[in-house]
Every structure is written in structure tokens, then in C-alpha cells.
Amino acid sequence: VVAVHISTPRGQIFSICAQKVFRVWDIKLQVCLQVLTGCFPRGPLASTRIHFDETRERLWAAFNNQVQSM
């Protein structure tokens, strides 16, 4: 895992691993709710950040010099 965001109000954890797999986890049930692959830029994963905007319910992911909204 290279990036993690914990959303306490939603009871979820968002994670991205080195293989560029994005996962949404349920904290209470301790299970993976969703898996996303193939939607991230190609190339090496040098720098990764994720942020969930609780107000707008929007996830932002930054990969090297590219930003994506999900």
C-alpha cells in the first residue's frame, strides 16, 4: 500500500497499492467493498497521494504529476 485515506464519517478506508489497484474498505466489517484497476496512468508509481472531500463526496488521486477525480 502506497497511499491511504481514512474517512471516519463514512466508515471507510481508501487505499492504493504499488500495482495501481484502488480499493475501498469497510472499517466495521473489515472487508473490501470495491476494487478499481486500469484507470490510472501508465509508468512507474513514484509519488501517490489520495484525498476524499467529505463535503463534496469526491475522491482525488494524484500520481506523479497527474491528478484524477473519482
PDB file of N, CA and C in Angstrom:
ATOM      1  N   VAL A   1       0.856  -1.176   0.000  1.00  0.00           N
ATOM      2  CA  VAL A   1       0.000   0.000   0.000  1.00  0.00           C
ATOM      3  C   VAL A   1       0.896   1.232   0.000  1.00  0.00           C
ATOM      4  N   VAL A   2       0.626   2.124  -0.965  1.00  0.00           N
ATOM      5  CA  VAL A   2       1.447   3.331  -1.094  1.00  0.00           C
ATOM      6  C   VAL A   2       0.704   4.598  -0.681  1.00  0.00           C
ATOM      7  N   ALA A   3      -0.644   4.524  -0.569  1.00  0.00           N
ATOM      8  CA  ALA A   3      -1.423   5.685  -0.133  1.00  0.00           C
ATOM      9  C   ALA A   3      -2.709   5.204   0.536  1.00  0.00           C
ATOM     10  N   VAL A   4      -3.089   5.907   1.630  1.00  0.00           N
ATOM     11  CA  VAL A   4      -4.279   5.540   2.398  1.00  0.00           C
ATOM     12  C   VAL A   4      -4.999   6.810   2.824  1.00  0.00           C
ATOM     13  N   HIS A   5      -6.334   6.766   2.791  1.00  0.00           N
ATOM     14  CA  HIS A   5      -7.146   7.842   3.365  1.00  0.00           C
ATOM     15  C   HIS A   5      -8.248   7.180   4.184  1.00  0.00           C
ATOM     16  N   ILE A   6      -8.416   7.635   5.425  1.00  0.00           N
ATOM     17  CA  ILE A   6      -9.455   7.093   6.297  1.00  0.00           C
ATOM     18  C   ILE A   6     -10.591   8.100   6.375  1.00  0.00           C
ATOM     19  N   SER A   7     -11.792   7.674   6.010  1.00  0.00           N
ATOM     20  CA  SER A   7     -12.989   8.504   6.093  1.00  0.00           C
ATOM     21  C   SER A   7     -13.817   8.013   7.272  1.00  0.00           C
ATOM     22  N   THR A   8     -13.639   8.632   8.416  1.00  0.00           N
ATOM     23  CA  THR A   8     -14.346   8.219   9.624  1.00  0.00           C
ATOM     24  C   THR A   8     -15.860   8.387   9.488  1.00  0.00           C
ATOM     25  N   PRO A   9     -16.363   9.527   8.942  1.00  0.00           N
ATOM     26  CA  PRO A   9     -17.824   9.656   8.818  1.00  0.00           C
ATOM     27  C   PRO A   9     -18.459   8.563   7.950  1.00  0.00           C
ATOM     28  N   ARG A  10     -17.766   8.132   6.911  1.00  0.00           N
ATOM     29  CA  ARG A  10     -18.288   7.087   6.025  1.00  0.00           C
ATOM     30  C   ARG A  10     -17.974   5.687   6.541  1.00  0.00           C
ATOM     31  N   GLY A  11     -17.035   5.592   7.473  1.00  0.00           N
ATOM     32  CA  GLY A  11     -16.633   4.280   7.972  1.00  0.00           C
ATOM     33  C   GLY A  11     -15.882   3.478   6.928  1.00  0.00           C
ATOM     34  N   GLN A  12     -15.087   4.207   6.098  1.00  0.00           N
ATOM     35  CA  GLN A  12     -14.371   3.542   5.013  1.00  0.00           C
ATOM     36  C   GLN A  12     -12.902   3.962   4.974  1.00  0.00           C
ATOM     37  N   ILE A  13     -12.114   3.084   4.366  1.00  0.00           N
ATOM     38  CA  ILE A  13     -10.704   3.364   4.100  1.00  0.00           C
ATOM     39  C   ILE A  13     -10.498   3.241   2.599  1.00  0.00           C
ATOM     40  N   PHE A  14      -9.783   4.203   2.003  1.00  0.00           N
ATOM     41  CA  PHE A  14      -9.424   4.173   0.596  1.00  0.00           C
ATOM     42  C   PHE A  14      -7.936   3.870   0.515  1.00  0.00           C
ATOM     43  N   SER A  15      -7.535   2.935  -0.333  1.00  0.00           N
ATOM     44  CA  SER A  15      -6.121   2.598  -0.451  1.00  0.00           C
ATOM     45  C   SER A  15      -5.721   2.382  -1.906  1.00  0.00           C
ATOM     46  N   ILE A  16      -4.437   2.647  -2.185  1.00  0.00           N
ATOM     47  CA  ILE A  16      -3.849   2.376  -3.492  1.00  0.00           C
ATOM     48  C   ILE A  16      -2.556   1.612  -3.244  1.00  0.00           C
ATOM     49  N   CYS A  17      -2.345   0.537  -3.987  1.00  0.00           N
ATOM     50  CA  CYS A  17      -1.119  -0.254  -3.826  1.00  0.00           C
ATOM     51  C   CYS A  17      -0.160   0.027  -4.987  1.00  0.00           C
ATOM     52  N   ALA A  18       1.038  -0.491  -4.894  1.00  0.00           N
ATOM     53  CA  ALA A  18       2.079  -0.270  -5.904  1.00  0.00           C
ATOM     54  C   ALA A  18       1.682  -0.806  -7.277  1.00  0.00           C
ATOM     55  N   GLN A  19       0.765  -1.754  -7.325  1.00  0.00           N
ATOM     56  CA  GLN A  19       0.299  -2.307  -8.598  1.00  0.00           C
ATOM     57  C   GLN A  19      -0.827  -1.456  -9.198  1.00  0.00           C
ATOM     58  N   LYS A  20      -1.074  -0.272  -8.625  1.00  0.00           N
ATOM     59  CA  LYS A  20      -2.098   0.689  -9.070  1.00  0.00           C
ATOM     60  C   LYS A  20      -3.503   0.117  -8.970  1.00  0.00           C
ATOM     61  N   VAL A  21      -3.768  -0.561  -7.870  1.00  0.00           N
ATOM     62  CA  VAL A  21      -5.097  -1.087  -7.586  1.00  0.00           C
ATOM     63  C   VAL A  21      -5.682  -0.240  -6.470  1.00  0.00           C
ATOM     64  N   PHE A  22      -6.847   0.355  -6.737  1.00  0.00           N
ATOM     65  CA  PHE A  22      -7.544   1.197  -5.769  1.00  0.00           C
ATOM     66  C   PHE A  22      -8.612   0.348  -5.087  1.00  0.00           C
ATOM     67  N   ARG A  23      -8.683   0.438  -3.759  1.00  0.00           N
ATOM     68  CA  ARG A  23      -9.670  -0.354  -3.017  1.00  0.00           C
ATOM     69  C   ARG A  23     -10.412   0.527  -2.011  1.00  0.00           C
ATOM     70  N   VAL A  24     -11.679   0.195  -1.815  1.00  0.00           N
ATOM     71  CA  VAL A  24     -12.493   0.819  -0.779  1.00  0.00           C
ATOM     72  C   VAL A  24     -12.799  -0.269   0.250  1.00  0.00           C
ATOM     73  N   TRP A  25     -12.476   0.033   1.508  1.00  0.00           N
ATOM     74  CA  TRP A  25     -12.654  -0.939   2.591  1.00  0.00           C
ATOM     75  C   TRP A  25     -13.712  -0.450   3.567  1.00  0.00           C
ATOM     76  N   ASP A  26     -14.480  -1.367   4.123  1.00  0.00           N
ATOM     77  CA  ASP A  26     -15.421  -1.054   5.196  1.00  0.00           C
ATOM     78  C   ASP A  26     -14.700  -1.290   6.522  1.00  0.00           C
ATOM     79  N   ILE A  27     -14.632  -0.250   7.344  1.00  0.00           N
ATOM     80  CA  ILE A  27     -13.890  -0.355   8.607  1.00  0.00           C
ATOM     81  C   ILE A  27     -14.570  -1.331   9.566  1.00  0.00           C
ATOM     82  N   LYS A  28     -15.882  -1.206   9.712  1.00  0.00           N
ATOM     83  CA  LYS A  28     -16.609  -2.036  10.676  1.00  0.00           C
ATOM     84  C   LYS A  28     -16.601  -3.515  10.287  1.00  0.00           C
ATOM     85  N   LEU A  29     -16.897  -3.796   9.015  1.00  0.00           N
ATOM     86  CA  LEU A  29     -16.962  -5.190   8.557  1.00  0.00           C
ATOM     87  C   LEU A  29     -15.598  -5.774   8.200  1.00  0.00           C
ATOM     88  N   GLN A  30     -14.588  -4.894   8.016  1.00  0.00           N
ATOM     89  CA  GLN A  30     -13.229  -5.294   7.651  1.00  0.00           C
ATOM     90  C   GLN A  30     -13.214  -6.117   6.357  1.00  0.00           C
ATOM     91  N   VAL A  31     -13.944  -5.606   5.351  1.00  0.00           N
ATOM     92  CA  VAL A  31     -13.978  -6.247   4.038  1.00  0.00           C
ATOM     93  C   VAL A  31     -13.762  -5.198   2.949  1.00  0.00           C
ATOM     94  N   CYS A  32     -13.295  -5.668   1.810  1.00  0.00           N
ATOM     95  CA  CYS A  32     -13.122  -4.807   0.651  1.00  0.00           C
ATOM     96  C   CYS A  32     -14.471  -4.665  -0.049  1.00  0.00           C
ATOM     97  N   LEU A  33     -14.908  -3.413  -0.260  1.00  0.00           N
ATOM     98  CA  LEU A  33     -16.196  -3.155  -0.893  1.00  0.00           C
ATOM     99  C   LEU A  33     -16.098  -2.980  -2.400  1.00  0.00           C
ATOM    100  N   GLN A  34     -14.965  -2.432  -2.867  1.00  0.00           N
ATOM    101  CA  GLN A  34     -14.825  -2.156  -4.293  1.00  0.00           C
ATOM    102  C   GLN A  34     -13.356  -2.169  -4.686  1.00  0.00           C
ATOM    103  N   VAL A  35     -13.082  -2.616  -5.914  1.00  0.00           N
ATOM    104  CA  VAL A  35     -11.728  -2.648  -6.470  1.00  0.00           C
ATOM    105  C   VAL A  35     -11.758  -1.973  -7.834  1.00  0.00           C
ATOM    106  N   LEU A  36     -10.841  -1.036  -8.068  1.00  0.00           N
ATOM    107  CA  LEU A  36     -10.712  -0.370  -9.365  1.00  0.00           C
ATOM    108  C   LEU A  36      -9.306  -0.586  -9.897  1.00  0.00           C
ATOM    109  N   THR A  37      -9.208  -1.015 -11.146  1.00  0.00           N
ATOM    110  CA  THR A  37      -7.906  -1.170 -11.803  1.00  0.00           C
ATOM    111  C   THR A  37      -8.004  -0.597 -13.210  1.00  0.00           C
ATOM    112  N   GLY A  38      -6.862  -0.298 -13.796  1.00  0.00           N
ATOM    113  CA  GLY A  38      -6.822   0.156 -15.177  1.00  0.00           C
ATOM    114  C   GLY A  38      -7.242   1.588 -15.407  1.00  0.00           C
ATOM    115  N   CYS A  39      -7.497   2.352 -14.357  1.00  0.00           N
ATOM    116  CA  CYS A  39      -7.929   3.738 -14.547  1.00  0.00           C
ATOM    117  C   CYS A  39      -6.842   4.736 -14.134  1.00  0.00           C
ATOM    118  N   PHE A  40      -5.634   4.245 -13.973  1.00  0.00           N
ATOM    119  CA  PHE A  40      -4.532   5.097 -13.537  1.00  0.00           C
ATOM    120  C   PHE A  40      -3.480   5.216 -14.627  1.00  0.00           C
ATOM    121  N   PRO A  41      -2.693   6.278 -14.609  1.00  0.00           N
ATOM    122  CA  PRO A  41      -1.680   6.482 -15.658  1.00  0.00           C
ATOM    123  C   PRO A  41      -0.657   5.349 -15.711  1.00  0.00           C
ATOM    124  N   ARG A  42      -0.144   5.111 -16.914  1.00  0.00           N
ATOM    125  CA  ARG A  42       0.913   4.108 -17.083  1.00  0.00           C
ATOM    126  C   ARG A  42       2.246   4.677 -16.615  1.00  0.00           C
ATOM    127  N   GLY A  43       3.189   3.788 -16.391  1.00  0.00           N
ATOM    128  CA  GLY A  43       4.520   4.215 -15.974  1.00  0.00           C
ATOM    129  C   GLY A  43       4.760   3.933 -14.508  1.00  0.00           C
ATOM    130  N   PRO A  44       5.963   4.246 -14.044  1.00  0.00           N
ATOM    131  CA  PRO A  44       6.313   3.964 -12.652  1.00  0.00           C
ATOM    132  C   PRO A  44       5.501   4.819 -11.683  1.00  0.00           C
ATOM    133  N   LEU A  45       5.249   4.273 -10.531  1.00  0.00           N
ATOM    134  CA  LEU A  45       4.485   4.954  -9.486  1.00  0.00           C
ATOM    135  C   LEU A  45       5.479   5.574  -8.508  1.00  0.00           C
ATOM    136  N   ALA A  46       5.902   6.804  -8.768  1.00  0.00           N
ATOM    137  CA  ALA A  46       6.921   7.455  -7.945  1.00  0.00           C
ATOM    138  C   ALA A  46       6.313   8.166  -6.743  1.00  0.00           C
ATOM    139  N   SER A  47       5.212   8.885  -6.954  1.00  0.00           N
ATOM    140  CA  SER A  47       4.584   9.659  -5.887  1.00  0.00           C
ATOM    141  C   SER A  47       3.069   9.534  -6.001  1.00  0.00           C
ATOM    142  N   THR A  48       2.421   9.141  -4.918  1.00  0.00           N
ATOM    143  CA  THR A  48       0.981   8.941  -4.933  1.00  0.00           C
ATOM    144  C   THR A  48       0.359   9.542  -3.679  1.00  0.00           C
ATOM    145  N   ARG A  49      -0.740  10.274  -3.871  1.00  0.00           N
ATOM    146  CA  ARG A  49      -1.492  10.843  -2.758  1.00  0.00           C
ATOM    147  C   ARG A  49      -2.976  10.671  -3.062  1.00  0.00           C
ATOM    148  N   ILE A  50      -3.788  10.440  -2.017  1.00  0.00           N
ATOM    149  CA  ILE A  50      -5.231  10.411  -2.197  1.00  0.00           C
ATOM    150  C   ILE A  50      -5.884  11.253  -1.111  1.00  0.00           C
ATOM    151  N   HIS A  51      -7.010  11.865  -1.455  1.00  0.00           N
ATOM    152  CA  HIS A  51      -7.766  12.698  -0.518  1.00  0.00           C
ATOM    153  C   HIS A  51      -9.245  12.552  -0.844  1.00  0.00           C
ATOM    154  N   PHE A  52     -10.066  12.369   0.175  1.00  0.00           N
ATOM    155  CA  PHE A  52     -11.508  12.301  -0.016  1.00  0.00           C
ATOM    156  C   PHE A  52     -12.129  13.563   0.551  1.00  0.00           C
ATOM    157  N   ASP A  53     -12.815  14.324  -0.294  1.00  0.00           N
ATOM    158  CA  ASP A  53     -13.509  15.541   0.116  1.00  0.00           C
ATOM    159  C   ASP A  53     -14.868  15.129   0.675  1.00  0.00           C
ATOM    160  N   GLU A  54     -15.002  15.158   1.989  1.00  0.00           N
ATOM    161  CA  GLU A  54     -16.225  14.695   2.660  1.00  0.00           C
ATOM    162  C   GLU A  54     -17.436  15.532   2.254  1.00  0.00           C
ATOM    163  N   THR A  55     -17.258  16.844   2.070  1.00  0.00           N
ATOM    164  CA  THR A  55     -18.362  17.733   1.742  1.00  0.00           C
ATOM    165  C   THR A  55     -18.935  17.435   0.362  1.00  0.00           C
ATOM    166  N   ARG A  56     -18.057  17.274  -0.610  1.00  0.00           N
ATOM    167  CA  ARG A  56     -18.491  17.038  -1.990  1.00  0.00           C
ATOM    168  C   ARG A  56     -18.563  15.556  -2.354  1.00  0.00           C
ATOM    169  N   GLU A  57     -18.134  14.697  -1.415  1.00  0.00           N
ATOM    170  CA  GLU A  57     -18.077  13.250  -1.641  1.00  0.00           C
ATOM    171  C   GLU A  57     -17.317  12.932  -2.921  1.00  0.00           C
ATOM    172  N   ARG A  58     -16.135  13.503  -3.031  1.00  0.00           N
ATOM    173  CA  ARG A  58     -15.298  13.341  -4.222  1.00  0.00           C
ATOM    174  C   ARG A  58     -13.912  12.869  -3.785  1.00  0.00           C
ATOM    175  N   LEU A  59     -13.405  11.856  -4.467  1.00  0.00           N
ATOM    176  CA  LEU A  59     -12.066  11.339  -4.193  1.00  0.00           C
ATOM    177  C   LEU A  59     -11.084  11.926  -5.200  1.00  0.00           C
ATOM    178  N   TRP A  60      -9.975  12.417  -4.706  1.00  0.00           N
ATOM    179  CA  TRP A  60      -8.905  12.954  -5.552  1.00  0.00           C
ATOM    180  C   TRP A  60      -7.689  12.062  -5.398  1.00  0.00           C
ATOM    181  N   ALA A  61      -7.087  11.693  -6.518  1.00  0.00           N
ATOM    182  CA  ALA A  61      -5.876  10.867  -6.505  1.00  0.00           C
ATOM    183  C   ALA A  61      -4.816  11.546  -7.365  1.00  0.00           C
ATOM    184  N   ALA A  62      -3.620  11.668  -6.840  1.00  0.00           N
ATOM    185  CA  ALA A  62      -2.505  12.275  -7.580  1.00  0.00           C
ATOM    186  C   ALA A  62      -1.436  11.209  -7.799  1.00  0.00           C
ATOM    187  N   PHE A  63      -1.024  11.065  -9.051  1.00  0.00           N
ATOM    188  CA  PHE A  63       0.006  10.104  -9.436  1.00  0.00           C
ATOM    189  C   PHE A  63       1.110  10.876 -10.130  1.00  0.00           C
ATOM    190  N   ASN A  64       2.266  10.977  -9.504  1.00  0.00           N
ATOM    191  CA  ASN A  64       3.376  11.746 -10.047  1.00  0.00           C
ATOM    192  C   ASN A  64       2.882  13.173 -10.339  1.00  0.00           C
ATOM    193  N   ASN A  65       2.726  13.580 -11.572  1.00  0.00           N
ATOM    194  CA  ASN A  65       2.284  14.937 -11.910  1.00  0.00           C
ATOM    195  C   ASN A  65       0.855  14.991 -12.444  1.00  0.00           C
ATOM    196  N   GLN A  66       0.064  13.931 -12.256  1.00  0.00           N
ATOM    197  CA  GLN A  66      -1.298  13.888 -12.770  1.00  0.00           C
ATOM    198  C   GLN A  66      -2.294  13.769 -11.615  1.00  0.00           C
ATOM    199  N   VAL A  67      -3.404  14.502 -11.737  1.00  0.00           N
ATOM    200  CA  VAL A  67      -4.452  14.465 -10.724  1.00  0.00           C
ATOM    201  C   VAL A  67      -5.733  13.935 -11.363  1.00  0.00           C
ATOM    202  N   GLN A  68      -6.418  13.045 -10.637  1.00  0.00           N
ATOM    203  CA  GLN A  68      -7.683  12.484 -11.113  1.00  0.00           C
ATOM    204  C   GLN A  68      -8.745  12.666 -10.061  1.00  0.00           C
ATOM    205  N   SER A  69      -9.956  12.910 -10.503  1.00  0.00           N
ATOM    206  CA  SER A  69     -11.103  12.987  -9.619  1.00  0.00           C
ATOM    207  C   SER A  69     -11.962  11.758  -9.875  1.00  0.00           C
ATOM    208  N   MET A  70     -12.406  11.114  -8.801  1.00  0.00           N
ATOM    209  CA  MET A  70     -13.225   9.909  -8.951  1.00  0.00           C
ATOM    210  C   MET A  70     -14.543  10.097  -8.230  1.00  0.00           C
TER     211      MET A  70
END
